[in-house]
Amino acid sequence: MDGYQAEFAEFDTAAGVARSAAEQVAGVDLKGSMTQAKAGMPGSISEQSMGRLADSWLYARVSWEQSAVGYADGLGISKRSYQNNEQAAAADFGGHGR
C-alpha cells in the first residue's frame, strides 16, 4: 500500500443519509404518543411515569437529530479538508493527483 485516496462522493452520500435520517426523526412525535397513552390511564402510577418518559423521549429525539446533523456537517468539513490537502500535495508534486 503506497497511500490513500479519499472518495469524495462517499462523503456526500454519507452526509445526505445522515441528514435524511435527522429529517425523518424530526417528524416523529414520541411525546405526543406518550401523552395519549397517559390519558388512557388516569390516576395510575403509570400515568406519572409516562409523563416523565415522554419528556425523556423528546429530549433523546432532539439530541439524536442534532447529533446526526452535526455528523453530516463534520463529513462536509472533512471532505473539504481532504480536498484541500490533495490540492496542496498535487501542487507540491508538480500537479500530479486529482
N, C-alpha and C. Protein backbone atom coordinates (compact mmCIF):
# COMPACT_ATOMS: atom_id res chain seq x y z
N MET A 1 0.84 -1.17 0.00
CA MET A 1 0.00 0.00 0.00
C MET A 1 0.89 1.24 0.00
N ASP A 2 0.64 2.14 -0.92
CA ASP A 2 1.52 3.29 -1.04
C ASP A 2 0.79 4.61 -0.84
N GLY A 3 -0.31 4.63 -0.14
CA GLY A 3 -1.01 5.88 0.11
C GLY A 3 -2.49 5.65 0.30
N TYR A 4 -3.20 6.72 0.19
CA TYR A 4 -4.65 6.64 0.32
C TYR A 4 -5.28 7.53 -0.72
N GLN A 5 -6.55 7.30 -0.93
CA GLN A 5 -7.30 8.15 -1.84
C GLN A 5 -8.68 8.34 -1.23
N ALA A 6 -9.02 9.57 -0.95
CA ALA A 6 -10.33 9.87 -0.39
C ALA A 6 -11.38 9.80 -1.50
N GLU A 7 -12.48 9.16 -1.22
CA GLU A 7 -13.59 9.07 -2.17
C GLU A 7 -14.59 10.17 -1.81
N PHE A 8 -14.46 11.30 -2.47
CA PHE A 8 -15.23 12.47 -2.10
C PHE A 8 -16.74 12.28 -2.25
N ALA A 9 -17.16 11.54 -3.23
CA ALA A 9 -18.60 11.30 -3.41
C ALA A 9 -19.18 10.54 -2.22
N GLU A 10 -18.38 9.69 -1.60
CA GLU A 10 -18.85 8.93 -0.44
C GLU A 10 -19.12 9.84 0.75
N PHE A 11 -18.34 10.90 0.89
CA PHE A 11 -18.60 11.87 1.95
C PHE A 11 -19.99 12.48 1.75
N ASP A 12 -20.28 12.87 0.51
CA ASP A 12 -21.57 13.48 0.20
C ASP A 12 -22.72 12.50 0.43
N THR A 13 -22.53 11.26 0.02
CA THR A 13 -23.57 10.24 0.20
C THR A 13 -23.86 10.02 1.68
N ALA A 14 -22.81 9.84 2.47
CA ALA A 14 -22.98 9.60 3.91
C ALA A 14 -23.62 10.80 4.59
N ALA A 15 -23.21 12.01 4.22
CA ALA A 15 -23.80 13.21 4.81
C ALA A 15 -25.27 13.31 4.44
N GLY A 16 -25.61 12.98 3.21
CA GLY A 16 -27.01 13.01 2.78
C GLY A 16 -27.87 12.02 3.54
N VAL A 17 -27.33 10.84 3.79
CA VAL A 17 -28.06 9.82 4.54
C VAL A 17 -28.28 10.29 5.98
N ALA A 18 -27.26 10.88 6.58
CA ALA A 18 -27.39 11.37 7.96
C ALA A 18 -28.43 12.49 8.05
N ARG A 19 -28.40 13.40 7.08
CA ARG A 19 -29.39 14.50 7.09
C ARG A 19 -30.81 13.96 6.86
N SER A 20 -30.93 12.99 5.98
CA SER A 20 -32.24 12.39 5.72
C SER A 20 -32.79 11.72 6.98
N ALA A 21 -31.92 11.00 7.68
CA ALA A 21 -32.35 10.35 8.92
C ALA A 21 -32.80 11.38 9.95
N ALA A 22 -32.06 12.48 10.06
CA ALA A 22 -32.43 13.54 11.00
C ALA A 22 -33.78 14.14 10.64
N GLU A 23 -34.01 14.36 9.35
CA GLU A 23 -35.30 14.91 8.92
C GLU A 23 -36.45 13.96 9.22
N GLN A 24 -36.23 12.67 9.00
CA GLN A 24 -37.28 11.69 9.26
C GLN A 24 -37.59 11.59 10.75
N VAL A 25 -36.56 11.60 11.56
CA VAL A 25 -36.74 11.51 13.01
C VAL A 25 -37.44 12.76 13.54
N ALA A 26 -37.16 13.90 12.93
CA ALA A 26 -37.77 15.16 13.39
C ALA A 26 -39.29 15.10 13.32
N GLY A 27 -39.82 14.32 12.41
CA GLY A 27 -41.27 14.23 12.27
C GLY A 27 -41.95 13.25 13.21
N VAL A 28 -41.19 12.56 14.03
CA VAL A 28 -41.76 11.56 14.93
C VAL A 28 -42.13 12.24 16.25
N ASP A 29 -43.39 12.11 16.62
CA ASP A 29 -43.89 12.75 17.85
C ASP A 29 -43.98 11.72 18.97
N LEU A 30 -42.83 11.40 19.55
CA LEU A 30 -42.82 10.42 20.64
C LEU A 30 -43.55 10.95 21.87
N LYS A 31 -43.37 12.21 22.15
CA LYS A 31 -44.02 12.79 23.33
C LYS A 31 -45.54 12.77 23.17
N GLY A 32 -46.02 13.08 21.98
CA GLY A 32 -47.46 13.06 21.74
C GLY A 32 -48.05 11.67 21.92
N SER A 33 -47.32 10.66 21.47
CA SER A 33 -47.79 9.28 21.64
C SER A 33 -47.91 8.92 23.11
N MET A 34 -46.92 9.34 23.89
CA MET A 34 -46.95 9.03 25.32
C MET A 34 -48.05 9.82 26.03
N THR A 35 -48.30 11.03 25.57
CA THR A 35 -49.36 11.84 26.17
C THR A 35 -50.72 11.18 25.96
N GLN A 36 -50.91 10.61 24.78
CA GLN A 36 -52.16 9.90 24.50
C GLN A 36 -52.28 8.65 25.37
N ALA A 37 -51.18 7.92 25.52
CA ALA A 37 -51.20 6.73 26.36
C ALA A 37 -51.46 7.10 27.82
N LYS A 38 -50.87 8.20 28.25
CA LYS A 38 -51.04 8.68 29.62
C LYS A 38 -52.52 9.00 29.89
N ALA A 39 -53.18 9.58 28.91
CA ALA A 39 -54.59 9.94 29.08
C ALA A 39 -55.47 8.71 29.27
N GLY A 40 -55.01 7.58 28.80
CA GLY A 40 -55.78 6.35 28.93
C GLY A 40 -55.63 5.67 30.28
N MET A 41 -54.81 6.24 31.17
CA MET A 41 -54.57 5.63 32.48
C MET A 41 -54.69 6.65 33.60
N PRO A 42 -55.78 7.39 33.65
CA PRO A 42 -55.89 8.44 34.67
C PRO A 42 -55.80 7.87 36.09
N GLY A 43 -55.00 8.55 36.90
CA GLY A 43 -54.88 8.18 38.31
C GLY A 43 -53.93 7.03 38.59
N SER A 44 -53.38 6.41 37.59
CA SER A 44 -52.50 5.26 37.82
C SER A 44 -51.06 5.72 38.08
N ILE A 45 -50.28 4.84 38.65
CA ILE A 45 -48.86 5.11 38.86
C ILE A 45 -48.17 5.28 37.50
N SER A 46 -48.59 4.50 36.53
CA SER A 46 -48.01 4.58 35.19
C SER A 46 -48.23 5.94 34.55
N GLU A 47 -49.32 6.59 34.90
CA GLU A 47 -49.61 7.91 34.31
C GLU A 47 -48.47 8.88 34.60
N GLN A 48 -48.00 8.91 35.83
CA GLN A 48 -46.90 9.81 36.20
C GLN A 48 -45.61 9.42 35.47
N SER A 49 -45.36 8.14 35.39
CA SER A 49 -44.15 7.67 34.71
C SER A 49 -44.17 8.01 33.23
N MET A 50 -45.33 7.93 32.62
CA MET A 50 -45.42 8.22 31.19
C MET A 50 -45.12 9.67 30.88
N GLY A 51 -45.49 10.56 31.77
CA GLY A 51 -45.15 11.97 31.57
C GLY A 51 -43.65 12.19 31.57
N ARG A 52 -42.97 11.57 32.52
CA ARG A 52 -41.51 11.69 32.58
C ARG A 52 -40.86 11.00 31.38
N LEU A 53 -41.40 9.86 31.00
CA LEU A 53 -40.86 9.14 29.85
C LEU A 53 -41.05 9.95 28.57
N ALA A 54 -42.19 10.60 28.44
CA ALA A 54 -42.44 11.44 27.26
C ALA A 54 -41.41 12.55 27.16
N ASP A 55 -41.11 13.20 28.28
CA ASP A 55 -40.10 14.26 28.28
C ASP A 55 -38.72 13.70 27.92
N SER A 56 -38.39 12.54 28.45
CA SER A 56 -37.09 11.91 28.16
C SER A 56 -36.98 11.55 26.68
N TRP A 57 -38.04 11.00 26.13
CA TRP A 57 -38.02 10.62 24.71
C TRP A 57 -37.89 11.85 23.82
N LEU A 58 -38.58 12.92 24.18
CA LEU A 58 -38.47 14.15 23.39
C LEU A 58 -37.03 14.65 23.41
N TYR A 59 -36.44 14.69 24.59
CA TYR A 59 -35.05 15.14 24.71
C TYR A 59 -34.12 14.23 23.90
N ALA A 60 -34.31 12.93 24.00
CA ALA A 60 -33.45 11.98 23.28
C ALA A 60 -33.60 12.14 21.77
N ARG A 61 -34.82 12.35 21.30
CA ARG A 61 -35.03 12.51 19.86
C ARG A 61 -34.35 13.77 19.35
N VAL A 62 -34.55 14.87 20.05
CA VAL A 62 -33.95 16.14 19.63
C VAL A 62 -32.42 16.03 19.67
N SER A 63 -31.90 15.42 20.70
CA SER A 63 -30.45 15.25 20.83
C SER A 63 -29.90 14.39 19.69
N TRP A 64 -30.58 13.30 19.38
CA TRP A 64 -30.13 12.42 18.29
C TRP A 64 -30.17 13.16 16.96
N GLU A 65 -31.24 13.89 16.74
CA GLU A 65 -31.40 14.66 15.50
C GLU A 65 -30.24 15.66 15.35
N GLN A 66 -29.94 16.39 16.40
CA GLN A 66 -28.84 17.35 16.36
C GLN A 66 -27.50 16.66 16.13
N SER A 67 -27.31 15.50 16.73
CA SER A 67 -26.07 14.75 16.53
C SER A 67 -25.93 14.29 15.08
N ALA A 68 -27.02 13.84 14.48
CA ALA A 68 -26.98 13.39 13.09
C ALA A 68 -26.63 14.54 12.16
N VAL A 69 -27.20 15.71 12.40
CA VAL A 69 -26.89 16.89 11.58
C VAL A 69 -25.43 17.29 11.80
N GLY A 70 -24.97 17.24 13.04
CA GLY A 70 -23.57 17.55 13.34
C GLY A 70 -22.62 16.58 12.65
N TYR A 71 -22.99 15.31 12.61
CA TYR A 71 -22.18 14.31 11.92
C TYR A 71 -22.10 14.64 10.43
N ALA A 72 -23.24 14.98 9.84
CA ALA A 72 -23.26 15.35 8.41
C ALA A 72 -22.39 16.58 8.16
N ASP A 73 -22.49 17.56 9.04
CA ASP A 73 -21.66 18.76 8.90
C ASP A 73 -20.17 18.40 9.00
N GLY A 74 -19.85 17.51 9.93
CA GLY A 74 -18.46 17.08 10.10
C GLY A 74 -17.93 16.37 8.86
N LEU A 75 -18.78 15.59 8.21
CA LEU A 75 -18.36 14.94 6.97
C LEU A 75 -18.03 15.97 5.90
N GLY A 76 -18.83 17.02 5.83
CA GLY A 76 -18.56 18.08 4.86
C GLY A 76 -17.24 18.78 5.14
N ILE A 77 -16.97 19.04 6.41
CA ILE A 77 -15.70 19.67 6.80
C ILE A 77 -14.53 18.75 6.46
N SER A 78 -14.69 17.46 6.75
CA SER A 78 -13.62 16.50 6.45
C SER A 78 -13.36 16.42 4.95
N LYS A 79 -14.43 16.41 4.18
CA LYS A 79 -14.28 16.34 2.72
C LYS A 79 -13.48 17.54 2.22
N ARG A 80 -13.85 18.73 2.67
CA ARG A 80 -13.13 19.93 2.23
C ARG A 80 -11.67 19.89 2.65
N SER A 81 -11.42 19.38 3.84
CA SER A 81 -10.04 19.27 4.33
C SER A 81 -9.23 18.32 3.46
N TYR A 82 -9.80 17.15 3.16
CA TYR A 82 -9.11 16.19 2.29
C TYR A 82 -8.86 16.79 0.91
N GLN A 83 -9.86 17.49 0.37
CA GLN A 83 -9.69 18.11 -0.95
C GLN A 83 -8.57 19.15 -0.92
N ASN A 84 -8.56 19.98 0.10
CA ASN A 84 -7.50 20.99 0.21
C ASN A 84 -6.13 20.35 0.33
N ASN A 85 -6.04 19.28 1.13
CA ASN A 85 -4.76 18.58 1.29
C ASN A 85 -4.31 17.94 -0.02
N GLU A 86 -5.24 17.36 -0.75
CA GLU A 86 -4.87 16.75 -2.03
C GLU A 86 -4.43 17.80 -3.04
N GLN A 87 -5.10 18.94 -3.05
CA GLN A 87 -4.71 20.01 -3.97
C GLN A 87 -3.32 20.53 -3.61
N ALA A 88 -3.05 20.68 -2.32
CA ALA A 88 -1.73 21.15 -1.88
C ALA A 88 -0.66 20.13 -2.24
N ALA A 89 -0.96 18.86 -2.05
CA ALA A 89 0.01 17.81 -2.39
C ALA A 89 0.26 17.78 -3.89
N ALA A 90 -0.80 17.93 -4.67
CA ALA A 90 -0.64 17.93 -6.13
C ALA A 90 0.23 19.10 -6.57
N ALA A 91 0.03 20.25 -5.94
CA ALA A 91 0.86 21.42 -6.28
C ALA A 91 2.31 21.18 -5.88
N ASP A 92 2.52 20.55 -4.73
CA ASP A 92 3.88 20.27 -4.26
C ASP A 92 4.61 19.28 -5.15
N PHE A 93 3.85 18.36 -5.76
CA PHE A 93 4.47 17.31 -6.57
C PHE A 93 4.28 17.55 -8.06
N GLY A 94 4.17 18.78 -8.45
CA GLY A 94 4.14 19.11 -9.86
C GLY A 94 2.81 18.89 -10.55
N GLY A 95 1.71 18.95 -9.81
CA GLY A 95 0.40 18.86 -10.44
C GLY A 95 -0.13 17.47 -10.64
N HIS A 96 0.56 16.45 -10.14
CA HIS A 96 0.05 15.09 -10.26
C HIS A 96 -0.93 14.83 -9.13
N GLY A 97 -2.06 14.27 -9.45
CA GLY A 97 -3.09 14.00 -8.45
C GLY A 97 -4.43 14.37 -9.01
N ARG A 98 -5.40 14.50 -8.14
CA ARG A 98 -6.76 14.82 -8.59
C ARG A 98 -6.87 16.23 -9.07
